[in-house]
Amino acid sequence: MKFACLAALATLAALILGFFIFFFQPKTIVGSYKFVSGDSEVCRPSDVDFSGGEIQDFFKSAKIVSSRLIHDEFDLAPCYLEGRLIHQLRICSWTLRPDRIGTLECAGDFQYLLIREQENIAPQ
């Protein structure tokens, strides 16, 4: 009888611990987003047709880069997706361009993010 109670208690403790680890682990959760274009003849919604899962994967995997790198090495498309997400327990605003160049702004902290072609995220 004692063994069964101890086993049940250990199982319950493991479930509670698992719940707290899952619930409080920093995650990236993408909210709503919209298409924005500076030139609708050059850039259309189909050019930035990322799913919520792909956007989430981008912000989990992308590397922080300098604005100088973006300026010197890339011609930015005139369209992008923009939205809000929860990233590492903070509410943030983001953009993501067709060439997988993004920005993330959380509480005044602004970052450029990039996934190069060879590091491309898998489609969902």
Foldseek 3Di string as FASTA:
>chain_A
DVVVVVVVVVVVVVVVVVVCCVVLPWAKAFDDKDKDFPDCVQDPCVLAPADRVLVRVLVVDWDWDDPVCCVPPHDFHRMWMWGWIQGRNFIWIKIAGSQGWMWIATPNDITITHDHPVRRDDGD
